[in-house]
Amino acid sequence: MVLQKSTIQEFDPFTFTGDYPNKGDYPKAFRVGECKVLAPGKTQLQVILFWRDDYRSEQKEVIVETIKQDDKWLIDSVLRK
């Protein structure tokens, strides 16, 4: 999967935040947790995003729904956990 970087906005619809430890920083790491098969060609992934700076450490969880289309897995939606 490839995500194209766009201009920084006040609220990021993928991470559901605009309050990063360092304004404009993207997550420093992520972890994929539980994976559920919702239907043939459709899955739901738990993704935990991590930020850290000198003053605080944070993590946020999102649920990513993916669909298989033309032998490629695509992000269909991102839900706040």
PDB file of N, CA and C in Angstrom:
ATOM      1  N   MET A   1       0.833  -1.175   0.000  1.00  0.00           N
ATOM      2  CA  MET A   1       0.000   0.000   0.000  1.00  0.00           C
ATOM      3  C   MET A   1       0.879   1.239   0.000  1.00  0.00           C
ATOM      4  N   VAL A   2       0.490   2.216  -0.750  1.00  0.00           N
ATOM      5  CA  VAL A   2       1.225   3.478  -0.812  1.00  0.00           C
ATOM      6  C   VAL A   2       0.245   4.603  -0.550  1.00  0.00           C
ATOM      7  N   LEU A   3       0.593   5.473   0.360  1.00  0.00           N
ATOM      8  CA  LEU A   3      -0.210   6.655   0.643  1.00  0.00           C
ATOM      9  C   LEU A   3       0.570   7.866   0.170  1.00  0.00           C
ATOM     10  N   GLN A   4      -0.067   8.708  -0.577  1.00  0.00           N
ATOM     11  CA  GLN A   4       0.594   9.905  -1.065  1.00  0.00           C
ATOM     12  C   GLN A   4       0.499  10.997  -0.018  1.00  0.00           C
ATOM     13  N   LYS A   5       1.621  11.620   0.297  1.00  0.00           N
ATOM     14  CA  LYS A   5       1.653  12.686   1.292  1.00  0.00           C
ATOM     15  C   LYS A   5       1.031  13.942   0.700  1.00  0.00           C
ATOM     16  N   SER A   6       0.157  14.555   1.440  1.00  0.00           N
ATOM     17  CA  SER A   6      -0.475  15.788   0.979  1.00  0.00           C
ATOM     18  C   SER A   6      -0.097  16.917   1.933  1.00  0.00           C
ATOM     19  N   THR A   7      -0.624  18.089   1.692  1.00  0.00           N
ATOM     20  CA  THR A   7      -0.316  19.220   2.565  1.00  0.00           C
ATOM     21  C   THR A   7      -0.885  18.979   3.957  1.00  0.00           C
ATOM     22  N   ILE A   8      -0.215  19.519   4.965  1.00  0.00           N
ATOM     23  CA  ILE A   8      -0.649  19.356   6.354  1.00  0.00           C
ATOM     24  C   ILE A   8      -1.904  20.181   6.586  1.00  0.00           C
ATOM     25  N   GLN A   9      -2.899  19.548   7.196  1.00  0.00           N
ATOM     26  CA  GLN A   9      -4.153  20.214   7.504  1.00  0.00           C
ATOM     27  C   GLN A   9      -4.299  20.288   9.017  1.00  0.00           C
ATOM     28  N   GLU A  10      -5.301  21.022   9.459  1.00  0.00           N
ATOM     29  CA  GLU A  10      -5.543  21.136  10.897  1.00  0.00           C
ATOM     30  C   GLU A  10      -5.994  19.814  11.503  1.00  0.00           C
ATOM     31  N   PHE A  11      -6.696  18.991  10.730  1.00  0.00           N
ATOM     32  CA  PHE A  11      -7.218  17.717  11.223  1.00  0.00           C
ATOM     33  C   PHE A  11      -6.918  16.646  10.194  1.00  0.00           C
ATOM     34  N   ASP A  12      -6.226  15.605  10.600  1.00  0.00           N
ATOM     35  CA  ASP A  12      -5.860  14.514   9.703  1.00  0.00           C
ATOM     36  C   ASP A  12      -6.936  13.431   9.766  1.00  0.00           C
ATOM     37  N   PRO A  13      -7.628  13.158   8.670  1.00  0.00           N
ATOM     38  CA  PRO A  13      -8.712  12.174   8.701  1.00  0.00           C
ATOM     39  C   PRO A  13      -8.229  10.741   8.872  1.00  0.00           C
ATOM     40  N   PHE A  14      -6.951  10.465   8.659  1.00  0.00           N
ATOM     41  CA  PHE A  14      -6.454   9.104   8.852  1.00  0.00           C
ATOM     42  C   PHE A  14      -6.134   8.829  10.317  1.00  0.00           C
ATOM     43  N   THR A  15      -5.518   9.785  10.994  1.00  0.00           N
ATOM     44  CA  THR A  15      -5.130   9.592  12.397  1.00  0.00           C
ATOM     45  C   THR A  15      -6.151  10.174  13.369  1.00  0.00           C
ATOM     46  N   PHE A  16      -7.147  10.890  12.863  1.00  0.00           N
ATOM     47  CA  PHE A  16      -8.210  11.500  13.671  1.00  0.00           C
ATOM     48  C   PHE A  16      -7.654  12.459  14.725  1.00  0.00           C
ATOM     49  N   THR A  17      -6.655  13.236  14.334  1.00  0.00           N
ATOM     50  CA  THR A  17      -6.104  14.217  15.258  1.00  0.00           C
ATOM     51  C   THR A  17      -5.479  15.374  14.492  1.00  0.00           C
ATOM     52  N   GLY A  18      -5.299  16.460  15.157  1.00  0.00           N
ATOM     53  CA  GLY A  18      -4.540  17.588  14.652  1.00  0.00           C
ATOM     54  C   GLY A  18      -3.542  17.992  15.718  1.00  0.00           C
ATOM     55  N   ASP A  19      -3.593  17.293  16.863  1.00  0.00           N
ATOM     56  CA  ASP A  19      -2.747  17.592  18.014  1.00  0.00           C
ATOM     57  C   ASP A  19      -1.647  16.540  18.117  1.00  0.00           C
ATOM     58  N   TYR A  20      -0.612  16.706  17.288  1.00  0.00           N
ATOM     59  CA  TYR A  20       0.522  15.801  17.336  1.00  0.00           C
ATOM     60  C   TYR A  20       1.508  16.296  18.379  1.00  0.00           C
ATOM     61  N   PRO A  21       2.332  15.398  18.941  1.00  0.00           N
ATOM     62  CA  PRO A  21       3.336  15.873  19.899  1.00  0.00           C
ATOM     63  C   PRO A  21       4.187  17.010  19.331  1.00  0.00           C
ATOM     64  N   ASN A  22       4.620  16.913  18.091  1.00  0.00           N
ATOM     65  CA  ASN A  22       5.310  18.012  17.406  1.00  0.00           C
ATOM     66  C   ASN A  22       4.428  18.389  16.239  1.00  0.00           C
ATOM     67  N   LYS A  23       3.868  19.579  16.261  1.00  0.00           N
ATOM     68  CA  LYS A  23       2.913  19.991  15.233  1.00  0.00           C
ATOM     69  C   LYS A  23       3.427  19.629  13.843  1.00  0.00           C
ATOM     70  N   GLY A  24       2.625  18.907  13.094  1.00  0.00           N
ATOM     71  CA  GLY A  24       2.996  18.520  11.745  1.00  0.00           C
ATOM     72  C   GLY A  24       3.728  17.195  11.659  1.00  0.00           C
ATOM     73  N   ASP A  25       4.115  16.612  12.816  1.00  0.00           N
ATOM     74  CA  ASP A  25       4.782  15.314  12.785  1.00  0.00           C
ATOM     75  C   ASP A  25       3.784  14.217  12.449  1.00  0.00           C
ATOM     76  N   TYR A  26       4.239  13.278  11.687  1.00  0.00           N
ATOM     77  CA  TYR A  26       3.442  12.096  11.418  1.00  0.00           C
ATOM     78  C   TYR A  26       3.859  11.028  12.415  1.00  0.00           C
ATOM     79  N   PRO A  27       3.084   9.979  12.559  1.00  0.00           N
ATOM     80  CA  PRO A  27       3.452   8.943  13.536  1.00  0.00           C
ATOM     81  C   PRO A  27       4.872   8.442  13.324  1.00  0.00           C
ATOM     82  N   LYS A  28       5.555   8.164  14.437  1.00  0.00           N
ATOM     83  CA  LYS A  28       6.926   7.669  14.386  1.00  0.00           C
ATOM     84  C   LYS A  28       6.958   6.171  14.120  1.00  0.00           C
ATOM     85  N   ALA A  29       5.889   5.473  14.493  1.00  0.00           N
ATOM     86  CA  ALA A  29       5.809   4.028  14.300  1.00  0.00           C
ATOM     87  C   ALA A  29       4.344   3.620  14.314  1.00  0.00           C
ATOM     88  N   PHE A  30       4.093   2.422  13.833  1.00  0.00           N
ATOM     89  CA  PHE A  30       2.755   1.877  13.919  1.00  0.00           C
ATOM     90  C   PHE A  30       2.841   0.380  14.115  1.00  0.00           C
ATOM     91  N   ARG A  31       1.753  -0.198  14.595  1.00  0.00           N
ATOM     92  CA  ARG A  31       1.673  -1.641  14.799  1.00  0.00           C
ATOM     93  C   ARG A  31       0.312  -2.113  14.325  1.00  0.00           C
ATOM     94  N   VAL A  32       0.309  -3.176  13.576  1.00  0.00           N
ATOM     95  CA  VAL A  32      -0.953  -3.778  13.143  1.00  0.00           C
ATOM     96  C   VAL A  32      -1.303  -4.849  14.160  1.00  0.00           C
ATOM     97  N   GLY A  33      -2.511  -4.755  14.684  1.00  0.00           N
ATOM     98  CA  GLY A  33      -2.956  -5.713  15.683  1.00  0.00           C
ATOM     99  C   GLY A  33      -3.902  -6.733  15.079  1.00  0.00           C
ATOM    100  N   GLU A  34      -5.051  -6.837  15.663  1.00  0.00           N
ATOM    101  CA  GLU A  34      -6.032  -7.837  15.255  1.00  0.00           C
ATOM    102  C   GLU A  34      -6.492  -7.624  13.814  1.00  0.00           C
ATOM    103  N   CYS A  35      -6.672  -8.715  13.109  1.00  0.00           N
ATOM    104  CA  CYS A  35      -7.179  -8.682  11.740  1.00  0.00           C
ATOM    105  C   CYS A  35      -8.412  -9.565  11.676  1.00  0.00           C
ATOM    106  N   LYS A  36      -9.514  -9.027  11.167  1.00  0.00           N
ATOM    107  CA  LYS A  36     -10.756  -9.784  11.028  1.00  0.00           C
ATOM    108  C   LYS A  36     -11.135  -9.864   9.556  1.00  0.00           C
ATOM    109  N   VAL A  37     -11.559 -11.038   9.123  1.00  0.00           N
ATOM    110  CA  VAL A  37     -12.098 -11.201   7.778  1.00  0.00           C
ATOM    111  C   VAL A  37     -13.597 -10.934   7.879  1.00  0.00           C
ATOM    112  N   LEU A  38     -14.068  -9.874   7.220  1.00  0.00           N
ATOM    113  CA  LEU A  38     -15.479  -9.518   7.270  1.00  0.00           C
ATOM    114  C   LEU A  38     -16.279 -10.247   6.198  1.00  0.00           C
ATOM    115  N   ALA A  39     -15.642 -10.496   5.072  1.00  0.00           N
ATOM    116  CA  ALA A  39     -16.252 -11.186   3.941  1.00  0.00           C
ATOM    117  C   ALA A  39     -15.110 -11.545   2.994  1.00  0.00           C
ATOM    118  N   PRO A  40     -15.343 -12.413   2.030  1.00  0.00           N
ATOM    119  CA  PRO A  40     -14.282 -12.674   1.063  1.00  0.00           C
ATOM    120  C   PRO A  40     -13.876 -11.370   0.370  1.00  0.00           C
ATOM    121  N   GLY A  41     -12.598 -11.037   0.452  1.00  0.00           N
ATOM    122  CA  GLY A  41     -12.111  -9.807  -0.167  1.00  0.00           C
ATOM    123  C   GLY A  41     -12.329  -8.556   0.657  1.00  0.00           C
ATOM    124  N   LYS A  42     -12.688  -8.707   1.944  1.00  0.00           N
ATOM    125  CA  LYS A  42     -12.872  -7.540   2.816  1.00  0.00           C
ATOM    126  C   LYS A  42     -12.361  -7.875   4.216  1.00  0.00           C
ATOM    127  N   THR A  43     -11.442  -7.032   4.728  1.00  0.00           N
ATOM    128  CA  THR A  43     -10.882  -7.253   6.057  1.00  0.00           C
ATOM    129  C   THR A  43     -10.949  -5.977   6.889  1.00  0.00           C
ATOM    130  N   GLN A  44     -10.743  -6.160   8.177  1.00  0.00           N
ATOM    131  CA  GLN A  44     -10.695  -5.040   9.119  1.00  0.00           C
ATOM    132  C   GLN A  44      -9.434  -5.213   9.958  1.00  0.00           C
ATOM    133  N   LEU A  45      -8.577  -4.186   9.969  1.00  0.00           N
ATOM    134  CA  LEU A  45      -7.310  -4.232  10.694  1.00  0.00           C
ATOM    135  C   LEU A  45      -7.287  -3.208  11.812  1.00  0.00           C
ATOM    136  N   GLN A  46      -6.804  -3.606  12.956  1.00  0.00           N
ATOM    137  CA  GLN A  46      -6.541  -2.684  14.052  1.00  0.00           C
ATOM    138  C   GLN A  46      -5.145  -2.117  13.821  1.00  0.00           C
ATOM    139  N   VAL A  47      -5.006  -0.792  13.777  1.00  0.00           N
ATOM    140  CA  VAL A  47      -3.706  -0.149  13.595  1.00  0.00           C
ATOM    141  C   VAL A  47      -3.491   0.808  14.757  1.00  0.00           C
ATOM    142  N   ILE A  48      -2.365   0.657  15.432  1.00  0.00           N
ATOM    143  CA  ILE A  48      -2.011   1.542  16.547  1.00  0.00           C
ATOM    144  C   ILE A  48      -0.866   2.430  16.083  1.00  0.00           C
ATOM    145  N   LEU A  49      -1.056   3.740  16.199  1.00  0.00           N
ATOM    146  CA  LEU A  49      -0.086   4.742  15.756  1.00  0.00           C
ATOM    147  C   LEU A  49       0.620   5.317  16.977  1.00  0.00           C
ATOM    148  N   PHE A  50       1.939   5.500  16.888  1.00  0.00           N
ATOM    149  CA  PHE A  50       2.741   5.975  18.024  1.00  0.00           C
ATOM    150  C   PHE A  50       3.469   7.271  17.684  1.00  0.00           C
ATOM    151  N   TRP A  51       3.425   8.227  18.612  1.00  0.00           N
ATOM    152  CA  TRP A  51       4.188   9.477  18.530  1.00  0.00           C
ATOM    153  C   TRP A  51       5.012   9.584  19.797  1.00  0.00           C
ATOM    154  N   ARG A  52       6.166  10.208  19.707  1.00  0.00           N
ATOM    155  CA  ARG A  52       6.979  10.455  20.905  1.00  0.00           C
ATOM    156  C   ARG A  52       7.849  11.678  20.657  1.00  0.00           C
ATOM    157  N   ASP A  53       7.928  12.533  21.660  1.00  0.00           N
ATOM    158  CA  ASP A  53       8.876  13.636  21.630  1.00  0.00           C
ATOM    159  C   ASP A  53       9.495  13.761  23.020  1.00  0.00           C
ATOM    160  N   ASP A  54      10.176  14.858  23.288  1.00  0.00           N
ATOM    161  CA  ASP A  54      10.853  15.026  24.572  1.00  0.00           C
ATOM    162  C   ASP A  54       9.886  15.198  25.739  1.00  0.00           C
ATOM    163  N   TYR A  55       8.620  15.528  25.457  1.00  0.00           N
ATOM    164  CA  TYR A  55       7.685  15.871  26.523  1.00  0.00           C
ATOM    165  C   TYR A  55       6.559  14.869  26.724  1.00  0.00           C
ATOM    166  N   ARG A  56       6.208  14.145  25.687  1.00  0.00           N
ATOM    167  CA  ARG A  56       5.111  13.204  25.849  1.00  0.00           C
ATOM    168  C   ARG A  56       5.208  12.070  24.831  1.00  0.00           C
ATOM    169  N   SER A  57       4.518  11.013  25.161  1.00  0.00           N
ATOM    170  CA  SER A  57       4.441   9.842  24.292  1.00  0.00           C
ATOM    171  C   SER A  57       2.961   9.503  24.163  1.00  0.00           C
ATOM    172  N   GLU A  58       2.503   9.312  22.937  1.00  0.00           N
ATOM    173  CA  GLU A  58       1.083   9.048  22.731  1.00  0.00           C
ATOM    174  C   GLU A  58       0.879   7.919  21.751  1.00  0.00           C
ATOM    175  N   GLN A  59      -0.276   7.304  21.861  1.00  0.00           N
ATOM    176  CA  GLN A  59      -0.682   6.327  20.878  1.00  0.00           C
ATOM    177  C   GLN A  59      -2.169   6.506  20.606  1.00  0.00           C
ATOM    178  N   LYS A  60      -2.557   6.235  19.375  1.00  0.00           N
ATOM    179  CA  LYS A  60      -3.950   6.303  18.971  1.00  0.00           C
ATOM    180  C   LYS A  60      -4.251   5.049  18.178  1.00  0.00           C
ATOM    181  N   GLU A  61      -5.476   4.594  18.275  1.00  0.00           N
ATOM    182  CA  GLU A  61      -5.887   3.391  17.573  1.00  0.00           C
ATOM    183  C   GLU A  61      -6.934   3.739  16.527  1.00  0.00           C
ATOM    184  N   VAL A  62      -6.770   3.179  15.334  1.00  0.00           N
ATOM    185  CA  VAL A  62      -7.765   3.318  14.279  1.00  0.00           C
ATOM    186  C   VAL A  62      -8.066   1.930  13.720  1.00  0.00           C
ATOM    187  N   ILE A  63      -9.221   1.803  13.118  1.00  0.00           N
ATOM    188  CA  ILE A  63      -9.622   0.575  12.455  1.00  0.00           C
ATOM    189  C   ILE A  63      -9.630   0.857  10.955  1.00  0.00           C
ATOM    190  N   VAL A  64      -8.881   0.057  10.200  1.00  0.00           N
ATOM    191  CA  VAL A  64      -8.764   0.242   8.762  1.00  0.00           C
ATOM    192  C   VAL A  64      -9.502  -0.907   8.068  1.00  0.00           C
ATOM    193  N   GLU A  65     -10.497  -0.557   7.262  1.00  0.00           N
ATOM    194  CA  GLU A  65     -11.193  -1.563   6.473  1.00  0.00           C
ATOM    195  C   GLU A  65     -10.590  -1.567   5.074  1.00  0.00           C
ATOM    196  N   THR A  66     -10.242  -2.757   4.600  1.00  0.00           N
ATOM    197  CA  THR A  66      -9.632  -2.897   3.280  1.00  0.00           C
ATOM    198  C   THR A  66     -10.490  -3.809   2.401  1.00  0.00           C
ATOM    199  N   ILE A  67     -10.396  -3.586   1.111  1.00  0.00           N
ATOM    200  CA  ILE A  67     -11.093  -4.436   0.144  1.00  0.00           C
ATOM    201  C   ILE A  67     -10.094  -4.875  -0.920  1.00  0.00           C
ATOM    202  N   LYS A  68     -10.320  -6.050  -1.451  1.00  0.00           N
ATOM    203  CA  LYS A  68      -9.456  -6.546  -2.525  1.00  0.00           C
ATOM    204  C   LYS A  68     -10.125  -6.217  -3.852  1.00  0.00           C
ATOM    205  N   GLN A  69      -9.397  -5.500  -4.685  1.00  0.00           N
ATOM    206  CA  GLN A  69      -9.924  -5.070  -5.973  1.00  0.00           C
ATOM    207  C   GLN A  69      -8.832  -5.253  -7.020  1.00  0.00           C
ATOM    208  N   ASP A  70      -9.090  -6.038  -8.034  1.00  0.00           N
ATOM    209  CA  ASP A  70      -8.108  -6.310  -9.091  1.00  0.00           C
ATOM    210  C   ASP A  70      -6.786  -6.823  -8.525  1.00  0.00           C
ATOM    211  N   ASP A  71      -6.845  -7.780  -7.601  1.00  0.00           N
ATOM    212  CA  ASP A  71      -5.676  -8.397  -6.966  1.00  0.00           C
ATOM    213  C   ASP A  71      -4.834  -7.427  -6.140  1.00  0.00           C
ATOM    214  N   LYS A  72      -5.393  -6.293  -5.738  1.00  0.00           N
ATOM    215  CA  LYS A  72      -4.708  -5.330  -4.872  1.00  0.00           C
ATOM    216  C   LYS A  72      -5.595  -5.049  -3.671  1.00  0.00           C
ATOM    217  N   TRP A  73      -4.983  -4.904  -2.495  1.00  0.00           N
ATOM    218  CA  TRP A  73      -5.718  -4.531  -1.291  1.00  0.00           C
ATOM    219  C   TRP A  73      -5.723  -3.009  -1.180  1.00  0.00           C
ATOM    220  N   LEU A  74      -6.909  -2.424  -1.072  1.00  0.00           N
ATOM    221  CA  LEU A  74      -7.077  -0.976  -0.990  1.00  0.00           C
ATOM    222  C   LEU A  74      -7.751  -0.597   0.304  1.00  0.00           C
ATOM    223  N   ILE A  75      -7.387   0.560   0.853  1.00  0.00           N
ATOM    224  CA  ILE A  75      -8.064   1.074   2.041  1.00  0.00           C
ATOM    225  C   ILE A  75      -9.438   1.575   1.614  1.00  0.00           C
ATOM    226  N   ASP A  76     -10.469   1.029   2.239  1.00  0.00           N
ATOM    227  CA  ASP A  76     -11.838   1.422   1.935  1.00  0.00           C
ATOM    228  C   ASP A  76     -12.329   2.501   2.902  1.00  0.00           C
ATOM    229  N   SER A  77     -11.957   2.338   4.179  1.00  0.00           N
ATOM    230  CA  SER A  77     -12.344   3.345   5.171  1.00  0.00           C
ATOM    231  C   SER A  77     -11.443   3.250   6.389  1.00  0.00           C
ATOM    232  N   VAL A  78     -11.395   4.347   7.139  1.00  0.00           N
ATOM    233  CA  VAL A  78     -10.650   4.418   8.392  1.00  0.00           C
ATOM    234  C   VAL A  78     -11.621   4.890   9.453  1.00  0.00           C
ATOM    235  N   LEU A  79     -11.727   4.125  10.533  1.00  0.00           N
ATOM    236  CA  LEU A  79     -12.684   4.421  11.597  1.00  0.00           C
ATOM    237  C   LEU A  79     -11.945   4.726  12.890  1.00  0.00           C
ATOM    238  N   ARG A  80     -12.473   5.638  13.649  1.00  0.00           N
ATOM    239  CA  ARG A  80     -11.899   5.956  14.962  1.00  0.00           C
ATOM    240  C   ARG A  80     -12.282   4.844  15.933  1.00  0.00           C
ATOM    241  N   LYS A  81     -11.344   4.438  16.750  1.00  0.00           N
ATOM    242  CA  LYS A  81     -11.612   3.413  17.759  1.00  0.00           C
ATOM    243  C   LYS A  81     -11.954   4.082  19.053  1.00  0.00           C
TER     244      LYS A  81
END
